[in-house]
Protein backbone atom coordinates (compact mmCIF):
# COMPACT_ATOMS: atom_id res chain seq x y z
CA MET A 1 -21.42 7.79 -19.44
CA THR A 2 -23.87 8.04 -16.25
CA ALA A 3 -25.74 11.12 -15.32
CA LEU A 4 -23.37 11.86 -12.49
CA GLU A 5 -20.34 11.46 -14.78
CA THR A 6 -22.00 13.80 -17.36
CA GLN A 7 -22.47 16.54 -14.56
CA LEU A 8 -19.08 16.04 -13.21
CA MET A 9 -17.54 16.73 -16.64
CA GLN A 10 -19.65 19.66 -17.39
CA ARG A 11 -18.54 21.13 -14.16
CA LEU A 12 -15.00 20.52 -14.57
CA LYS A 13 -15.09 22.17 -18.06
CA VAL A 14 -15.65 25.52 -16.52
CA LEU A 15 -13.02 25.38 -14.27
CA PRO A 16 -9.56 26.96 -14.58
CA PRO A 17 -6.93 24.64 -15.36
CA GLU A 18 -5.39 25.12 -11.71
CA ARG A 19 -8.80 24.26 -10.34
CA VAL A 20 -8.73 21.10 -12.40
CA ALA A 21 -5.46 20.37 -11.26
CA GLU A 22 -6.68 20.39 -7.61
CA VAL A 23 -9.61 18.18 -8.40
CA VAL A 24 -7.13 15.87 -10.06
CA ASP A 25 -4.93 15.73 -6.86
CA PHE A 26 -8.03 15.30 -4.86
CA VAL A 27 -9.13 12.21 -6.78
CA GLU A 28 -5.56 10.79 -6.65
CA PHE A 29 -5.93 11.18 -2.80
CA LEU A 30 -9.19 9.36 -2.40
CA ALA A 31 -7.89 6.62 -4.89
CA SER A 32 -4.71 6.13 -2.54
CA ARG A 33 -6.97 5.95 0.57
CA GLU A 34 -9.07 3.38 -1.00
CA GLN A 35 -5.90 1.45 -1.82
CA ARG A 36 -4.56 1.75 1.77
CA ALA A 37 -7.96 0.58 3.11
CA ALA A 38 -8.03 -2.33 0.68
CA ALA A 39 -4.38 -3.28 1.61
CA ALA A 40 -5.21 -3.10 5.50
CA LYS A 41 -8.04 -5.19 4.95
CA ARG A 42 -6.19 -7.85 3.06
CA LEU A 43 -3.42 -7.79 6.01
CA SER A 44 -6.21 -8.18 8.45
CA ASN A 45 -7.57 -11.11 6.78
CA ALA A 46 -4.09 -12.56 6.59
CA MET A 47 -3.48 -12.00 10.24
CA THR A 48 -6.90 -13.62 11.05
CA ARG A 49 -5.89 -16.66 8.96
CA LEU A 50 -2.64 -16.80 10.40
CA ASP A 51 -3.77 -16.52 14.19
CA ALA A 52 -6.36 -19.42 13.12
CA LEU A 53 -3.25 -21.77 12.68
CA ASN A 54 -2.39 -21.55 16.35
CA LEU A 55 1.52 -21.70 15.83
CA PRO A 56 3.94 -21.40 18.73
CA PRO A 57 5.54 -17.70 18.83
CA ILE A 58 8.86 -17.78 17.43
CA PRO A 59 11.58 -17.00 20.10
CA GLU A 60 13.30 -13.53 19.93
CA ASP A 61 16.81 -15.23 19.47
CA GLU A 62 15.52 -17.17 16.46
CA VAL A 63 14.01 -13.88 14.93
CA GLU A 64 17.65 -11.91 15.51
CA ASP A 65 19.34 -14.90 14.00
CA GLU A 66 17.05 -14.61 10.96
CA VAL A 67 17.44 -10.73 10.80
CA GLN A 68 21.35 -11.12 10.77
CA ALA A 69 21.54 -13.62 8.42
CA ALA A 70 19.45 -11.66 6.09
CA ARG A 71 21.68 -8.79 6.52
CA ARG A 72 24.87 -10.77 5.96
CA ALA A 73 23.35 -12.26 2.71
CA ARG A 74 22.18 -8.67 1.60
CA HIS A 75 25.71 -7.49 2.44
CA LEU A 76 27.50 -10.30 0.44
CA ALA A 77 25.13 -9.81 -2.47
CA ARG A 78 26.07 -6.01 -2.56
CA THR A 79 29.80 -6.95 -2.18
CA ILE A 80 29.69 -9.33 -5.21
CA THR A 81 27.84 -6.96 -7.54
CA SER A 82 30.02 -4.06 -6.73
């Protein structure tokens, strides 16, 4: 355990349980913020790679056709499993 971790543990031991719970909440918040930042970076990198492919844009009507087909498939799957 590092000196910083030891110091943190000592300080946590003197806090009442409700304050320790607040510390846990804050640490979870920080961890989720780091996860979101990492996800945003991965998405940005993926978009950069996709952009580098210089693919032509997909026409709106093709996008709409794909969306409608996916909705029909999802509806059909729900109907079959019901």
